[in-house]
Amino acid sequence: MVIDDSKTIRRTAETLLKKEGCDVLTAVDGFEALAKISDQKPSIIFVDIMMPRLDGYQTCALIKNNPQFRATPVIMLSSKDGLFDKARGRIVGAEQYLTKPFTRDELLGAIHRHVSTV
């Protein structure tokens, strides 16, 4: 699943992942994502940090606080590359932090690192 308020980022990630044979869900914000996560149960979640209504940190914390999804890997996506941002991502339970613009290899690397069925 790719959660990002930027249509460009969602489409880019979706295209890259679909070319590799992945089924991809997208959401424009945390609220939409949370509804889809409970229905679809994605294997991995990429979430942008800076989003309206519910930011990536809040979204990640809500996912990780739900026992059903605690084990689902969450990868933070951000244009910020600061130590504080990465630490905050770890605090809310994110497994990894990718800086935008990400590459195909970074996305696939995160999937191979965190999802055993790929």
C-alpha atoms as a PDB file:
ATOM      1  CA  MET A   1       0.000   0.000   0.000  1.00  0.00           C
ATOM      2  CA  VAL A   2       1.188   3.517  -0.846  1.00  0.00           C
ATOM      3  CA  ILE A   3      -0.262   6.410   1.191  1.00  0.00           C
ATOM      4  CA  ASP A   4       0.633   9.857  -0.126  1.00  0.00           C
ATOM      5  CA  ASP A   5      -1.300  13.045  -0.801  1.00  0.00           C
ATOM      6  CA  SER A   6       0.809  13.594  -3.940  1.00  0.00           C
ATOM      7  CA  LYS A   7      -0.799  11.976  -6.970  1.00  0.00           C
ATOM      8  CA  THR A   8       2.615  11.931  -8.683  1.00  0.00           C
ATOM      9  CA  ILE A   9       4.253   9.979  -5.862  1.00  0.00           C
ATOM     10  CA  ARG A  10       1.334   7.523  -5.645  1.00  0.00           C
ATOM     11  CA  ARG A  11       1.389   6.902  -9.389  1.00  0.00           C
ATOM     12  CA  THR A  12       5.182   6.591  -9.546  1.00  0.00           C
ATOM     13  CA  ALA A  13       5.314   4.060  -6.720  1.00  0.00           C
ATOM     14  CA  GLU A  14       2.293   2.170  -8.049  1.00  0.00           C
ATOM     15  CA  THR A  15       3.782   1.925 -11.546  1.00  0.00           C
ATOM     16  CA  LEU A  16       7.180   0.769 -10.275  1.00  0.00           C
ATOM     17  CA  LEU A  17       5.664  -1.858  -8.008  1.00  0.00           C
ATOM     18  CA  LYS A  18       3.111  -3.160 -10.515  1.00  0.00           C
ATOM     19  CA  LYS A  19       5.906  -3.695 -13.059  1.00  0.00           C
ATOM     20  CA  GLU A  20       7.462  -6.020 -10.477  1.00  0.00           C
ATOM     21  CA  GLY A  21       4.233  -7.984 -10.110  1.00  0.00           C
ATOM     22  CA  CYS A  22       2.998  -6.418  -6.872  1.00  0.00           C
ATOM     23  CA  ASP A  23      -0.658  -5.743  -6.157  1.00  0.00           C
ATOM     24  CA  VAL A  24      -0.793  -2.090  -5.113  1.00  0.00           C
ATOM     25  CA  LEU A  25      -3.363  -0.223  -3.052  1.00  0.00           C
ATOM     26  CA  THR A  26      -3.199   3.554  -2.809  1.00  0.00           C
ATOM     27  CA  ALA A  27      -4.685   6.123  -0.466  1.00  0.00           C
ATOM     28  CA  VAL A  28      -4.530   9.925  -0.412  1.00  0.00           C
ATOM     29  CA  ASP A  29      -4.352  10.244   3.387  1.00  0.00           C
ATOM     30  CA  GLY A  30      -4.307   8.326   6.638  1.00  0.00           C
ATOM     31  CA  PHE A  31      -8.089   8.206   7.054  1.00  0.00           C
ATOM     32  CA  GLU A  32      -8.640   6.625   3.648  1.00  0.00           C
ATOM     33  CA  ALA A  33      -5.698   4.280   4.271  1.00  0.00           C
ATOM     34  CA  LEU A  34      -6.961   3.012   7.623  1.00  0.00           C
ATOM     35  CA  ALA A  35     -10.286   1.961   6.084  1.00  0.00           C
ATOM     36  CA  LYS A  36      -8.507   0.154   3.229  1.00  0.00           C
ATOM     37  CA  ILE A  37      -5.956  -1.489   5.530  1.00  0.00           C
ATOM     38  CA  SER A  38      -8.626  -3.187   7.612  1.00  0.00           C
ATOM     39  CA  ASP A  39     -10.385  -4.465   4.471  1.00  0.00           C
ATOM     40  CA  GLN A  40      -7.389  -5.406   2.313  1.00  0.00           C
ATOM     41  CA  LYS A  41      -4.648  -6.286   4.875  1.00  0.00           C
ATOM     42  CA  PRO A  42      -1.591  -5.191   2.833  1.00  0.00           C
ATOM     43  CA  SER A  43       1.776  -6.953   3.304  1.00  0.00           C
ATOM     44  CA  ILE A  44       3.695  -3.668   3.542  1.00  0.00           C
ATOM     45  CA  ILE A  45       2.732  -0.003   3.854  1.00  0.00           C
ATOM     46  CA  PHE A  46       4.619   3.003   2.479  1.00  0.00           C
ATOM     47  CA  VAL A  47       3.381   6.211   4.111  1.00  0.00           C
ATOM     48  CA  ASP A  48       4.237   9.841   3.419  1.00  0.00           C
ATOM     49  CA  ILE A  49       4.944  11.939   6.495  1.00  0.00           C
ATOM     50  CA  MET A  50       3.513  15.286   5.404  1.00  0.00           C
ATOM     51  CA  MET A  51      -0.203  14.795   4.703  1.00  0.00           C
ATOM     52  CA  PRO A  52      -3.321  16.779   5.604  1.00  0.00           C
ATOM     53  CA  ARG A  53      -5.730  15.632   8.339  1.00  0.00           C
ATOM     54  CA  LEU A  54      -3.704  12.640   9.582  1.00  0.00           C
ATOM     55  CA  ASP A  55       0.058  12.802   9.007  1.00  0.00           C
ATOM     56  CA  GLY A  56       2.323   9.815   8.432  1.00  0.00           C
ATOM     57  CA  TYR A  57       3.496   9.624  12.031  1.00  0.00           C
ATOM     58  CA  GLN A  58      -0.096   9.534  13.315  1.00  0.00           C
ATOM     59  CA  THR A  59      -1.089   6.998  10.657  1.00  0.00           C
ATOM     60  CA  CYS A  60       1.864   4.749  11.505  1.00  0.00           C
ATOM     61  CA  ALA A  61       1.116   4.965  15.232  1.00  0.00           C
ATOM     62  CA  LEU A  62      -2.529   3.985  14.658  1.00  0.00           C
ATOM     63  CA  ILE A  63      -1.491   1.018  12.489  1.00  0.00           C
ATOM     64  CA  LYS A  64       1.079  -0.167  15.036  1.00  0.00           C
ATOM     65  CA  ASN A  65      -1.314   0.251  17.971  1.00  0.00           C
ATOM     66  CA  ASN A  66      -3.765  -2.166  16.345  1.00  0.00           C
ATOM     67  CA  PRO A  67      -2.821  -5.751  17.350  1.00  0.00           C
ATOM     68  CA  GLN A  68      -4.063  -7.063  13.992  1.00  0.00           C
ATOM     69  CA  PHE A  69      -1.603  -4.885  12.040  1.00  0.00           C
ATOM     70  CA  ARG A  70       1.265  -4.446  14.524  1.00  0.00           C
ATOM     71  CA  ALA A  71       3.454  -6.849  12.504  1.00  0.00           C
ATOM     72  CA  THR A  72       2.749  -5.133   9.156  1.00  0.00           C
ATOM     73  CA  PRO A  73       5.923  -3.321   8.050  1.00  0.00           C
ATOM     74  CA  VAL A  74       5.512   0.450   7.699  1.00  0.00           C
ATOM     75  CA  ILE A  75       8.042   2.407   5.635  1.00  0.00           C
ATOM     76  CA  MET A  76       8.045   6.191   6.043  1.00  0.00           C
ATOM     77  CA  LEU A  77       8.448   8.322   2.904  1.00  0.00           C
ATOM     78  CA  SER A  78       9.605  11.907   3.200  1.00  0.00           C
ATOM     79  CA  SER A  79      11.467  14.686   1.472  1.00  0.00           C
ATOM     80  CA  LYS A  80      12.943  15.475   4.907  1.00  0.00           C
ATOM     81  CA  ASP A  81      16.206  13.685   5.620  1.00  0.00           C
ATOM     82  CA  GLY A  82      16.828  14.896   9.162  1.00  0.00           C
ATOM     83  CA  LEU A  83      17.893  12.758  12.085  1.00  0.00           C
ATOM     84  CA  PHE A  84      14.910  13.986  14.130  1.00  0.00           C
ATOM     85  CA  ASP A  85      12.446  12.909  11.421  1.00  0.00           C
ATOM     86  CA  LYS A  86      13.993   9.442  11.172  1.00  0.00           C
ATOM     87  CA  ALA A  87      14.024   9.051  14.967  1.00  0.00           C
ATOM     88  CA  ARG A  88      10.381  10.112  15.200  1.00  0.00           C
ATOM     89  CA  GLY A  89       9.519   7.501  12.554  1.00  0.00           C
ATOM     90  CA  ARG A  90      11.208   4.814  14.666  1.00  0.00           C
ATOM     91  CA  ILE A  91       9.387   5.982  17.796  1.00  0.00           C
ATOM     92  CA  VAL A  92       5.964   5.471  16.174  1.00  0.00           C
ATOM     93  CA  GLY A  93       7.022   2.028  14.936  1.00  0.00           C
ATOM     94  CA  ALA A  94       8.223   2.477  11.355  1.00  0.00           C
ATOM     95  CA  GLU A  95      10.601  -0.221  10.148  1.00  0.00           C
ATOM     96  CA  GLN A  96      12.417   1.977   7.632  1.00  0.00           C
ATOM     97  CA  TYR A  97      12.635   5.537   6.326  1.00  0.00           C
ATOM     98  CA  LEU A  98      13.066   6.367   2.613  1.00  0.00           C
ATOM     99  CA  THR A  99      13.846   9.839   1.387  1.00  0.00           C
ATOM    100  CA  LYS A 100      12.026  11.211  -1.666  1.00  0.00           C
ATOM    101  CA  PRO A 101      12.687  11.006  -4.482  1.00  0.00           C
ATOM    102  CA  PHE A 102      13.052   7.281  -3.899  1.00  0.00           C
ATOM    103  CA  THR A 103      14.346   4.881  -6.532  1.00  0.00           C
ATOM    104  CA  ARG A 104      12.878   1.643  -7.809  1.00  0.00           C
ATOM    105  CA  ASP A 105      15.677  -0.247  -6.060  1.00  0.00           C
ATOM    106  CA  GLU A 106      14.935   1.457  -2.726  1.00  0.00           C
ATOM    107  CA  LEU A 107      11.239   0.524  -2.911  1.00  0.00           C
ATOM    108  CA  LEU A 108      11.961  -3.061  -3.934  1.00  0.00           C
ATOM    109  CA  GLY A 109      14.761  -3.320  -1.380  1.00  0.00           C
ATOM    110  CA  ALA A 110      12.347  -2.330   1.390  1.00  0.00           C
ATOM    111  CA  ILE A 111       9.864  -4.967   0.221  1.00  0.00           C
ATOM    112  CA  HIS A 112      12.508  -7.699   0.037  1.00  0.00           C
ATOM    113  CA  ARG A 113      13.856  -6.707   3.444  1.00  0.00           C
ATOM    114  CA  HIS A 114      10.526  -6.659   5.259  1.00  0.00           C
ATOM    115  CA  VAL A 115       8.159  -9.025   3.403  1.00  0.00           C
ATOM    116  CA  SER A 116       9.097 -12.691   3.421  1.00  0.00           C
ATOM    117  CA  THR A 117       6.603 -13.791   0.738  1.00  0.00           C
ATOM    118  CA  VAL A 118       8.209 -11.752  -2.079  1.00  0.00           C
END
